[in-house]
Amino acid sequence: MKNTLLSLFVLGCALNLQTALADDGLALFQSKSCVACHSVDSKLVGPALKEVAAKNAGVAGAAQTLAGHIKNGTQGNWGPIPMPANAVSEEEAAQLAKWVLSLK
């Protein structure tokens, strides 16, 4: 009985943590200039963030690569329009990348 309750407690904590991380990622996204060109569900100037997540699903090193693109900008990954560098810290870029990759 104790093991079952402990397992349920741990599962509940993990689900709450995942929700908190998702909320933090969305809040950070909305506080940055990312929203000028991206949305979660549909293409604006840049691709929908869910498209980015789908394209990078299962790709080794995707979080680090995406964090670098967020911080330093990139060109040619999604068409001719370049993505400029963003005013984010290394930690914010990593948090945003992890959040984007968690989208389904």
PDB file of N, CA and C in Angstrom:
ATOM      1  N   MET A   1       0.814  -1.188   0.000  1.00  0.00           N
ATOM      2  CA  MET A   1       0.000   0.000   0.000  1.00  0.00           C
ATOM      3  C   MET A   1       0.861   1.257   0.000  1.00  0.00           C
ATOM      4  N   LYS A   2       1.925   1.245   0.826  1.00  0.00           N
ATOM      5  CA  LYS A   2       2.812   2.403   0.894  1.00  0.00           C
ATOM      6  C   LYS A   2       3.460   2.668  -0.461  1.00  0.00           C
ATOM      7  N   ASN A   3       3.899   1.586  -1.133  1.00  0.00           N
ATOM      8  CA  ASN A   3       4.545   1.740  -2.438  1.00  0.00           C
ATOM      9  C   ASN A   3       3.585   2.338  -3.468  1.00  0.00           C
ATOM     10  N   THR A   4       2.336   1.923  -3.426  1.00  0.00           N
ATOM     11  CA  THR A   4       1.334   2.439  -4.353  1.00  0.00           C
ATOM     12  C   THR A   4       1.102   3.922  -4.100  1.00  0.00           C
ATOM     13  N   LEU A   5       0.953   4.297  -2.839  1.00  0.00           N
ATOM     14  CA  LEU A   5       0.742   5.703  -2.511  1.00  0.00           C
ATOM     15  C   LEU A   5       1.961   6.545  -2.884  1.00  0.00           C
ATOM     16  N   LEU A   6       3.135   6.025  -2.609  1.00  0.00           N
ATOM     17  CA  LEU A   6       4.354   6.745  -2.963  1.00  0.00           C
ATOM     18  C   LEU A   6       4.460   6.911  -4.474  1.00  0.00           C
ATOM     19  N   SER A   7       4.143   5.864  -5.211  1.00  0.00           N
ATOM     20  CA  SER A   7       4.180   5.945  -6.677  1.00  0.00           C
ATOM     21  C   SER A   7       3.192   6.976  -7.197  1.00  0.00           C
ATOM     22  N   LEU A   8       1.996   6.982  -6.660  1.00  0.00           N
ATOM     23  CA  LEU A   8       0.992   7.970  -7.075  1.00  0.00           C
ATOM     24  C   LEU A   8       1.427   9.392  -6.730  1.00  0.00           C
ATOM     25  N   PHE A   9       2.027   9.562  -5.566  1.00  0.00           N
ATOM     26  CA  PHE A   9       2.525  10.873  -5.158  1.00  0.00           C
ATOM     27  C   PHE A   9       3.612  11.356  -6.114  1.00  0.00           C
ATOM     28  N   VAL A  10       4.571  10.496  -6.436  1.00  0.00           N
ATOM     29  CA  VAL A  10       5.665  10.857  -7.347  1.00  0.00           C
ATOM     30  C   VAL A  10       5.118  11.188  -8.727  1.00  0.00           C
ATOM     31  N   LEU A  11       4.166  10.405  -9.213  1.00  0.00           N
ATOM     32  CA  LEU A  11       3.557  10.669 -10.509  1.00  0.00           C
ATOM     33  C   LEU A  11       2.844  12.018 -10.500  1.00  0.00           C
ATOM     34  N   GLY A  12       2.117  12.302  -9.453  1.00  0.00           N
ATOM     35  CA  GLY A  12       1.428  13.593  -9.341  1.00  0.00           C
ATOM     36  C   GLY A  12       2.404  14.756  -9.340  1.00  0.00           C
ATOM     37  N   CYS A  13       3.493  14.611  -8.614  1.00  0.00           N
ATOM     38  CA  CYS A  13       4.518  15.665  -8.588  1.00  0.00           C
ATOM     39  C   CYS A  13       5.132  15.859  -9.964  1.00  0.00           C
ATOM     40  N   ALA A  14       5.407  14.790 -10.662  1.00  0.00           N
ATOM     41  CA  ALA A  14       5.998  14.883 -11.999  1.00  0.00           C
ATOM     42  C   ALA A  14       5.055  15.588 -12.958  1.00  0.00           C
ATOM     43  N   LEU A  15       3.775  15.267 -12.889  1.00  0.00           N
ATOM     44  CA  LEU A  15       2.801  15.926 -13.765  1.00  0.00           C
ATOM     45  C   LEU A  15       2.678  17.404 -13.436  1.00  0.00           C
ATOM     46  N   ASN A  16       2.693  17.748 -12.161  1.00  0.00           N
ATOM     47  CA  ASN A  16       2.638  19.155 -11.770  1.00  0.00           C
ATOM     48  C   ASN A  16       3.888  19.896 -12.212  1.00  0.00           C
ATOM     49  N   LEU A  17       5.049  19.262 -12.113  1.00  0.00           N
ATOM     50  CA  LEU A  17       6.288  19.878 -12.549  1.00  0.00           C
ATOM     51  C   LEU A  17       6.260  20.114 -14.046  1.00  0.00           C
ATOM     52  N   GLN A  18       5.771  19.148 -14.816  1.00  0.00           N
ATOM     53  CA  GLN A  18       5.683  19.310 -16.269  1.00  0.00           C
ATOM     54  C   GLN A  18       4.769  20.475 -16.620  1.00  0.00           C
ATOM     55  N   THR A  19       3.647  20.602 -15.935  1.00  0.00           N
ATOM     56  CA  THR A  19       2.726  21.707 -16.172  1.00  0.00           C
ATOM     57  C   THR A  19       3.390  23.028 -15.810  1.00  0.00           C
ATOM     58  N   ALA A  20       4.115  23.059 -14.700  1.00  0.00           N
ATOM     59  CA  ALA A  20       4.801  24.280 -14.297  1.00  0.00           C
ATOM     60  C   ALA A  20       5.852  24.672 -15.323  1.00  0.00           C
ATOM     61  N   LEU A  21       6.614  23.700 -15.837  1.00  0.00           N
ATOM     62  CA  LEU A  21       7.625  23.996 -16.856  1.00  0.00           C
ATOM     63  C   LEU A  21       6.972  24.515 -18.129  1.00  0.00           C
ATOM     64  N   ALA A  22       5.842  23.932 -18.507  1.00  0.00           N
ATOM     65  CA  ALA A  22       5.131  24.389 -19.700  1.00  0.00           C
ATOM     66  C   ALA A  22       4.646  25.810 -19.511  1.00  0.00           C
ATOM     67  N   ASP A  23       4.092  26.119 -18.348  1.00  0.00           N
ATOM     68  CA  ASP A  23       3.622  27.470 -18.068  1.00  0.00           C
ATOM     69  C   ASP A  23       4.776  28.460 -18.066  1.00  0.00           C
ATOM     70  N   ASP A  24       5.919  28.072 -17.477  1.00  0.00           N
ATOM     71  CA  ASP A  24       7.089  28.942 -17.453  1.00  0.00           C
ATOM     72  C   ASP A  24       7.619  29.186 -18.861  1.00  0.00           C
ATOM     73  N   GLY A  25       7.634  28.140 -19.684  1.00  0.00           N
ATOM     74  CA  GLY A  25       8.107  28.281 -21.063  1.00  0.00           C
ATOM     75  C   GLY A  25       7.212  29.202 -21.865  1.00  0.00           C
ATOM     76  N   LEU A  26       5.917  29.044 -21.732  1.00  0.00           N
ATOM     77  CA  LEU A  26       4.972  29.903 -22.441  1.00  0.00           C
ATOM     78  C   LEU A  26       5.108  31.347 -21.976  1.00  0.00           C
ATOM     79  N   ALA A  27       5.213  31.549 -20.674  1.00  0.00           N
ATOM     80  CA  ALA A  27       5.366  32.908 -20.146  1.00  0.00           C
ATOM     81  C   ALA A  27       6.657  33.556 -20.657  1.00  0.00           C
ATOM     82  N   LEU A  28       7.744  32.791 -20.683  1.00  0.00           N
ATOM     83  CA  LEU A  28       9.010  33.324 -21.192  1.00  0.00           C
ATOM     84  C   LEU A  28       8.884  33.647 -22.676  1.00  0.00           C
ATOM     85  N   PHE A  29       8.301  32.746 -23.450  1.00  0.00           N
ATOM     86  CA  PHE A  29       8.072  32.978 -24.880  1.00  0.00           C
ATOM     87  C   PHE A  29       7.285  34.266 -25.093  1.00  0.00           C
ATOM     88  N   GLN A  30       6.213  34.441 -24.340  1.00  0.00           N
ATOM     89  CA  GLN A  30       5.363  35.610 -24.504  1.00  0.00           C
ATOM     90  C   GLN A  30       6.035  36.902 -24.061  1.00  0.00           C
ATOM     91  N   SER A  31       7.059  36.806 -23.225  1.00  0.00           N
ATOM     92  CA  SER A  31       7.756  38.005 -22.747  1.00  0.00           C
ATOM     93  C   SER A  31       8.892  38.440 -23.673  1.00  0.00           C
ATOM     94  N   LYS A  32       9.203  37.646 -24.663  1.00  0.00           N
ATOM     95  CA  LYS A  32      10.311  37.931 -25.575  1.00  0.00           C
ATOM     96  C   LYS A  32       9.783  38.320 -26.951  1.00  0.00           C
ATOM     97  N   SER A  33      10.678  38.779 -27.798  1.00  0.00           N
ATOM     98  CA  SER A  33      10.291  39.214 -29.144  1.00  0.00           C
ATOM     99  C   SER A  33       9.935  38.057 -30.069  1.00  0.00           C
ATOM    100  N   CYS A  34      10.067  36.832 -29.599  1.00  0.00           N
ATOM    101  CA  CYS A  34       9.721  35.645 -30.387  1.00  0.00           C
ATOM    102  C   CYS A  34       8.300  35.736 -30.939  1.00  0.00           C
ATOM    103  N   VAL A  35       7.395  36.304 -30.136  1.00  0.00           N
ATOM    104  CA  VAL A  35       5.977  36.350 -30.506  1.00  0.00           C
ATOM    105  C   VAL A  35       5.714  37.229 -31.726  1.00  0.00           C
ATOM    106  N   ALA A  36       6.665  38.054 -32.110  1.00  0.00           N
ATOM    107  CA  ALA A  36       6.480  38.889 -33.288  1.00  0.00           C
ATOM    108  C   ALA A  36       6.465  38.050 -34.567  1.00  0.00           C
ATOM    109  N   CYS A  37       7.158  36.921 -34.557  1.00  0.00           N
ATOM    110  CA  CYS A  37       7.288  36.103 -35.769  1.00  0.00           C
ATOM    111  C   CYS A  37       6.775  34.680 -35.624  1.00  0.00           C
ATOM    112  N   HIS A  38       6.560  34.219 -34.405  1.00  0.00           N
ATOM    113  CA  HIS A  38       6.158  32.828 -34.174  1.00  0.00           C
ATOM    114  C   HIS A  38       4.892  32.756 -33.336  1.00  0.00           C
ATOM    115  N   SER A  39       4.121  31.696 -33.581  1.00  0.00           N
ATOM    116  CA  SER A  39       3.026  31.338 -32.684  1.00  0.00           C
ATOM    117  C   SER A  39       3.180  29.854 -32.398  1.00  0.00           C
ATOM    118  N   VAL A  40       2.451  29.385 -31.430  1.00  0.00           N
ATOM    119  CA  VAL A  40       2.559  27.978 -31.053  1.00  0.00           C
ATOM    120  C   VAL A  40       1.966  27.081 -32.132  1.00  0.00           C
ATOM    121  N   ASP A  41       0.803  27.463 -32.672  1.00  0.00           N
ATOM    122  CA  ASP A  41       0.048  26.566 -33.545  1.00  0.00           C
ATOM    123  C   ASP A  41       0.068  26.878 -35.035  1.00  0.00           C
ATOM    124  N   SER A  42       0.388  28.107 -35.418  1.00  0.00           N
ATOM    125  CA  SER A  42       0.295  28.444 -36.840  1.00  0.00           C
ATOM    126  C   SER A  42       1.483  29.279 -37.290  1.00  0.00           C
ATOM    127  N   LYS A  43       1.782  29.176 -38.573  1.00  0.00           N
ATOM    128  CA  LYS A  43       2.896  29.914 -39.170  1.00  0.00           C
ATOM    129  C   LYS A  43       2.560  31.396 -39.212  1.00  0.00           C
ATOM    130  N   LEU A  44       3.501  32.223 -38.811  1.00  0.00           N
ATOM    131  CA  LEU A  44       3.410  33.668 -39.003  1.00  0.00           C
ATOM    132  C   LEU A  44       4.517  34.015 -39.994  1.00  0.00           C
ATOM    133  N   VAL A  45       5.505  34.750 -39.550  1.00  0.00           N
ATOM    134  CA  VAL A  45       6.699  34.988 -40.374  1.00  0.00           C
ATOM    135  C   VAL A  45       7.570  33.739 -40.352  1.00  0.00           C
ATOM    136  N   GLY A  46       7.722  33.180 -39.160  1.00  0.00           N
ATOM    137  CA  GLY A  46       8.475  31.954 -38.975  1.00  0.00           C
ATOM    138  C   GLY A  46       7.522  30.792 -38.772  1.00  0.00           C
ATOM    139  N   PRO A  47       8.056  29.597 -38.670  1.00  0.00           N
ATOM    140  CA  PRO A  47       7.206  28.407 -38.526  1.00  0.00           C
ATOM    141  C   PRO A  47       6.513  28.381 -37.167  1.00  0.00           C
ATOM    142  N   ALA A  48       5.409  27.637 -37.109  1.00  0.00           N
ATOM    143  CA  ALA A  48       4.753  27.382 -35.832  1.00  0.00           C
ATOM    144  C   ALA A  48       5.721  26.603 -34.948  1.00  0.00           C
ATOM    145  N   LEU A  49       5.691  26.883 -33.671  1.00  0.00           N
ATOM    146  CA  LEU A  49       6.610  26.204 -32.765  1.00  0.00           C
ATOM    147  C   LEU A  49       6.347  24.705 -32.700  1.00  0.00           C
ATOM    148  N   LYS A  50       5.107  24.298 -32.906  1.00  0.00           N
ATOM    149  CA  LYS A  50       4.811  22.862 -32.947  1.00  0.00           C
ATOM    150  C   LYS A  50       5.462  22.213 -34.168  1.00  0.00           C
ATOM    151  N   GLU A  51       5.608  22.947 -35.275  1.00  0.00           N
ATOM    152  CA  GLU A  51       6.309  22.426 -36.449  1.00  0.00           C
ATOM    153  C   GLU A  51       7.792  22.238 -36.134  1.00  0.00           C
ATOM    154  N   VAL A  52       8.359  23.207 -35.413  1.00  0.00           N
ATOM    155  CA  VAL A  52       9.768  23.118 -35.021  1.00  0.00           C
ATOM    156  C   VAL A  52       9.969  21.893 -34.142  1.00  0.00           C
ATOM    157  N   ALA A  53       9.059  21.681 -33.193  1.00  0.00           N
ATOM    158  CA  ALA A  53       9.153  20.519 -32.307  1.00  0.00           C
ATOM    159  C   ALA A  53       9.054  19.220 -33.101  1.00  0.00           C
ATOM    160  N   ALA A  54       8.120  19.162 -34.045  1.00  0.00           N
ATOM    161  CA  ALA A  54       7.938  17.942 -34.839  1.00  0.00           C
ATOM    162  C   ALA A  54       9.161  17.659 -35.710  1.00  0.00           C
ATOM    163  N   LYS A  55       9.726  18.697 -36.303  1.00  0.00           N
ATOM    164  CA  LYS A  55      10.893  18.529 -37.172  1.00  0.00           C
ATOM    165  C   LYS A  55      12.110  18.030 -36.382  1.00  0.00           C
ATOM    166  N   ASN A  56      12.188  18.422 -35.114  1.00  0.00           N
ATOM    167  CA  ASN A  56      13.348  18.077 -34.300  1.00  0.00           C
ATOM    168  C   ASN A  56      13.109  16.917 -33.344  1.00  0.00           C
ATOM    169  N   ALA A  57      11.941  16.296 -33.409  1.00  0.00           N
ATOM    170  CA  ALA A  57      11.632  15.177 -32.513  1.00  0.00           C
ATOM    171  C   ALA A  57      12.623  14.039 -32.735  1.00  0.00           C
ATOM    172  N   GLY A  58      13.251  13.615 -31.663  1.00  0.00           N
ATOM    173  CA  GLY A  58      14.178  12.494 -31.733  1.00  0.00           C
ATOM    174  C   GLY A  58      15.548  12.826 -32.303  1.00  0.00           C
ATOM    175  N   VAL A  59      15.810  14.082 -32.615  1.00  0.00           N
ATOM    176  CA  VAL A  59      17.107  14.485 -33.167  1.00  0.00           C
ATOM    177  C   VAL A  59      18.086  14.705 -32.017  1.00  0.00           C
ATOM    178  N   ALA A  60      19.194  14.019 -32.065  1.00  0.00           N
ATOM    179  CA  ALA A  60      20.215  14.158 -31.023  1.00  0.00           C
ATOM    180  C   ALA A  60      20.766  15.585 -31.021  1.00  0.00           C
ATOM    181  N   GLY A  61      20.859  16.189 -29.847  1.00  0.00           N
ATOM    182  CA  GLY A  61      21.418  17.530 -29.717  1.00  0.00           C
ATOM    183  C   GLY A  61      20.483  18.642 -30.161  1.00  0.00           C
ATOM    184  N   ALA A  62      19.222  18.323 -30.385  1.00  0.00           N
ATOM    185  CA  ALA A  62      18.276  19.321 -30.890  1.00  0.00           C
ATOM    186  C   ALA A  62      18.107  20.492 -29.923  1.00  0.00           C
ATOM    187  N   ALA A  63      18.071  20.223 -28.628  1.00  0.00           N
ATOM    188  CA  ALA A  63      17.866  21.298 -27.654  1.00  0.00           C
ATOM    189  C   ALA A  63      19.022  22.302 -27.695  1.00  0.00           C
ATOM    190  N   GLN A  64      20.242  21.804 -27.785  1.00  0.00           N
ATOM    191  CA  GLN A  64      21.401  22.696 -27.830  1.00  0.00           C
ATOM    192  C   GLN A  64      21.427  23.483 -29.139  1.00  0.00           C
ATOM    193  N   THR A  65      21.122  22.812 -30.244  1.00  0.00           N
ATOM    194  CA  THR A  65      21.103  23.476 -31.541  1.00  0.00           C
ATOM    195  C   THR A  65      20.034  24.559 -31.568  1.00  0.00           C
ATOM    196  N   LEU A  66      18.846  24.218 -31.108  1.00  0.00           N
ATOM    197  CA  LEU A  66      17.753  25.177 -31.103  1.00  0.00           C
ATOM    198  C   LEU A  66      18.051  26.354 -30.181  1.00  0.00           C
ATOM    199  N   ALA A  67      18.637  26.106 -29.027  1.00  0.00           N
ATOM    200  CA  ALA A  67      19.015  27.187 -28.112  1.00  0.00           C
ATOM    201  C   ALA A  67      20.001  28.132 -28.791  1.00  0.00           C
ATOM    202  N   GLY A  68      20.948  27.577 -29.531  1.00  0.00           N
ATOM    203  CA  GLY A  68      21.898  28.413 -30.276  1.00  0.00           C
ATOM    204  C   GLY A  68      21.212  29.240 -31.342  1.00  0.00           C
ATOM    205  N   HIS A  69      20.243  28.658 -32.034  1.00  0.00           N
ATOM    206  CA  HIS A  69      19.494  29.407 -33.045  1.00  0.00           C
ATOM    207  C   HIS A  69      18.679  30.523 -32.406  1.00  0.00           C
ATOM    208  N   ILE A  70      18.085  30.245 -31.258  1.00  0.00           N
ATOM    209  CA  ILE A  70      17.291  31.254 -30.558  1.00  0.00           C
ATOM    210  C   ILE A  70      18.184  32.417 -30.142  1.00  0.00           C
ATOM    211  N   LYS A  71      19.318  32.126 -29.571  1.00  0.00           N
ATOM    212  CA  LYS A  71      20.207  33.175 -29.060  1.00  0.00           C
ATOM    213  C   LYS A  71      20.934  33.923 -30.174  1.00  0.00           C
ATOM    214  N   ASN A  72      21.446  33.195 -31.155  1.00  0.00           N
ATOM    215  CA  ASN A  72      22.322  33.796 -32.163  1.00  0.00           C
ATOM    216  C   ASN A  72      21.664  34.054 -33.504  1.00  0.00           C
ATOM    217  N   GLY A  73      20.466  33.541 -33.700  1.00  0.00           N
ATOM    218  CA  GLY A  73      19.802  33.676 -34.988  1.00  0.00           C
ATOM    219  C   GLY A  73      20.254  32.586 -35.941  1.00  0.00           C
ATOM    220  N   THR A  74      19.571  32.513 -37.074  1.00  0.00           N
ATOM    221  CA  THR A  74      19.892  31.499 -38.076  1.00  0.00           C
ATOM    222  C   THR A  74      19.286  31.909 -39.401  1.00  0.00           C
ATOM    223  N   GLN A  75      19.691  31.238 -40.450  1.00  0.00           N
ATOM    224  CA  GLN A  75      19.152  31.548 -41.766  1.00  0.00           C
ATOM    225  C   GLN A  75      19.113  30.279 -42.606  1.00  0.00           C
ATOM    226  N   GLY A  76      18.025  30.114 -43.359  1.00  0.00           N
ATOM    227  CA  GLY A  76      17.933  29.025 -44.308  1.00  0.00           C
ATOM    228  C   GLY A  76      17.328  27.733 -43.794  1.00  0.00           C
ATOM    229  N   ASN A  77      17.016  27.643 -42.507  1.00  0.00           N
ATOM    230  CA  ASN A  77      16.439  26.402 -41.974  1.00  0.00           C
ATOM    231  C   ASN A  77      14.971  26.239 -42.333  1.00  0.00           C
ATOM    232  N   TRP A  78      14.260  27.358 -42.496  1.00  0.00           N
ATOM    233  CA  TRP A  78      12.826  27.317 -42.768  1.00  0.00           C
ATOM    234  C   TRP A  78      12.468  28.201 -43.951  1.00  0.00           C
ATOM    235  N   GLY A  79      13.407  28.508 -44.785  1.00  0.00           N
ATOM    236  CA  GLY A  79      13.141  29.365 -45.936  1.00  0.00           C
ATOM    237  C   GLY A  79      14.099  30.541 -45.972  1.00  0.00           C
ATOM    238  N   PRO A  80      13.832  31.497 -46.856  1.00  0.00           N
ATOM    239  CA  PRO A  80      14.787  32.573 -47.088  1.00  0.00           C
ATOM    240  C   PRO A  80      14.812  33.670 -46.019  1.00  0.00           C
ATOM    241  N   ILE A  81      13.791  33.768 -45.183  1.00  0.00           N
ATOM    242  CA  ILE A  81      13.743  34.840 -44.194  1.00  0.00           C
ATOM    243  C   ILE A  81      14.601  34.452 -42.997  1.00  0.00           C
ATOM    244  N   PRO A  82      15.620  35.254 -42.682  1.00  0.00           N
ATOM    245  CA  PRO A  82      16.486  34.911 -41.549  1.00  0.00           C
ATOM    246  C   PRO A  82      15.801  35.173 -40.217  1.00  0.00           C
ATOM    247  N   MET A  83      16.195  34.405 -39.220  1.00  0.00           N
ATOM    248  CA  MET A  83      15.748  34.664 -37.857  1.00  0.00           C
ATOM    249  C   MET A  83      16.864  35.432 -37.166  1.00  0.00           C
ATOM    250  N   PRO A  84      16.570  36.642 -36.691  1.00  0.00           N
ATOM    251  CA  PRO A  84      17.619  37.427 -36.036  1.00  0.00           C
ATOM    252  C   PRO A  84      17.973  36.870 -34.667  1.00  0.00           C
ATOM    253  N   ALA A  85      19.120  37.285 -34.173  1.00  0.00           N
ATOM    254  CA  ALA A  85      19.518  36.938 -32.809  1.00  0.00           C
ATOM    255  C   ALA A  85      18.514  37.561 -31.842  1.00  0.00           C
ATOM    256  N   ASN A  86      18.323  36.913 -30.718  1.00  0.00           N
ATOM    257  CA  ASN A  86      17.376  37.397 -29.719  1.00  0.00           C
ATOM    258  C   ASN A  86      18.098  37.794 -28.451  1.00  0.00           C
ATOM    259  N   ALA A  87      17.547  38.786 -27.780  1.00  0.00           N
ATOM    260  CA  ALA A  87      18.112  39.278 -26.521  1.00  0.00           C
ATOM    261  C   ALA A  87      17.675  38.354 -25.388  1.00  0.00           C
ATOM    262  N   VAL A  88      18.302  37.190 -25.326  1.00  0.00           N
ATOM    263  CA  VAL A  88      18.032  36.207 -24.278  1.00  0.00           C
ATOM    264  C   VAL A  88      19.357  35.730 -23.712  1.00  0.00           C
ATOM    265  N   SER A  89      19.328  35.311 -22.466  1.00  0.00           N
ATOM    266  CA  SER A  89      20.526  34.725 -21.864  1.00  0.00           C
ATOM    267  C   SER A  89      20.669  33.282 -22.346  1.00  0.00           C
ATOM    268  N   GLU A  90      21.809  32.691 -22.060  1.00  0.00           N
ATOM    269  CA  GLU A  90      22.024  31.275 -22.397  1.00  0.00           C
ATOM    270  C   GLU A  90      20.969  30.404 -21.711  1.00  0.00           C
ATOM    271  N   GLU A  91      20.679  30.727 -20.448  1.00  0.00           N
ATOM    272  CA  GLU A  91      19.696  29.948 -19.687  1.00  0.00           C
ATOM    273  C   GLU A  91      18.298  30.100 -20.285  1.00  0.00           C
ATOM    274  N   GLU A  92      17.924  31.328 -20.665  1.00  0.00           N
ATOM    275  CA  GLU A  92      16.612  31.543 -21.267  1.00  0.00           C
ATOM    276  C   GLU A  92      16.504  30.824 -22.607  1.00  0.00           C
ATOM    277  N   ALA A  93      17.560  30.878 -23.408  1.00  0.00           N
ATOM    278  CA  ALA A  93      17.555  30.179 -24.698  1.00  0.00           C
ATOM    279  C   ALA A  93      17.387  28.677 -24.491  1.00  0.00           C
ATOM    280  N   ALA A  94      18.077  28.129 -23.503  1.00  0.00           N
ATOM    281  CA  ALA A  94      17.959  26.694 -23.207  1.00  0.00           C
ATOM    282  C   ALA A  94      16.550  26.354 -22.719  1.00  0.00           C
ATOM    283  N   GLN A  95      15.978  27.209 -21.875  1.00  0.00           N
ATOM    284  CA  GLN A  95      14.623  26.970 -21.372  1.00  0.00           C
ATOM    285  C   GLN A  95      13.608  27.049 -22.508  1.00  0.00           C
ATOM    286  N   LEU A  96      13.750  28.038 -23.390  1.00  0.00           N
ATOM    287  CA  LEU A  96      12.849  28.169 -24.526  1.00  0.00           C
ATOM    288  C   LEU A  96      12.965  26.957 -25.456  1.00  0.00           C
ATOM    289  N   ALA A  97      14.191  26.526 -25.731  1.00  0.00           N
ATOM    290  CA  ALA A  97      14.398  25.373 -26.606  1.00  0.00           C
ATOM    291  C   ALA A  97      13.747  24.122 -26.025  1.00  0.00           C
ATOM    292  N   LYS A  98      13.935  23.890 -24.746  1.00  0.00           N
ATOM    293  CA  LYS A  98      13.356  22.716 -24.099  1.00  0.00           C
ATOM    294  C   LYS A  98      11.832  22.794 -24.156  1.00  0.00           C
ATOM    295  N   TRP A  99      11.286  23.974 -23.927  1.00  0.00           N
ATOM    296  CA  TRP A  99       9.827  24.145 -23.987  1.00  0.00           C
ATOM    297  C   TRP A  99       9.297  23.898 -25.389  1.00  0.00           C
ATOM    298  N   VAL A 100       9.951  24.497 -26.389  1.00  0.00           N
ATOM    299  CA  VAL A 100       9.508  24.310 -27.779  1.00  0.00           C
ATOM    300  C   VAL A 100       9.505  22.829 -28.129  1.00  0.00           C
ATOM    301  N   LEU A 101      10.568  22.126 -27.766  1.00  0.00           N
ATOM    302  CA  LEU A 101      10.666  20.708 -28.103  1.00  0.00           C
ATOM    303  C   LEU A 101       9.659  19.844 -27.356  1.00  0.00           C
ATOM    304  N   SER A 102       9.071  20.380 -26.289  1.00  0.00           N
ATOM    305  CA  SER A 102       8.054  19.623 -25.541  1.00  0.00           C
ATOM    306  C   SER A 102       6.661  19.767 -26.148  1.00  0.00           C
ATOM    307  N   LEU A 103       6.492  20.683 -27.096  1.00  0.00           N
ATOM    308  CA  LEU A 103       5.175  20.930 -27.677  1.00  0.00           C
ATOM    309  C   LEU A 103       4.765  19.781 -28.580  1.00  0.00           C
ATOM    310  N   LYS A 104       3.494  19.469 -28.592  1.00  0.00           N
ATOM    311  CA  LYS A 104       2.971  18.395 -29.431  1.00  0.00           C
ATOM    312  C   LYS A 104       1.790  18.888 -30.228  1.00  0.00           C
TER     313      LYS A 104
END
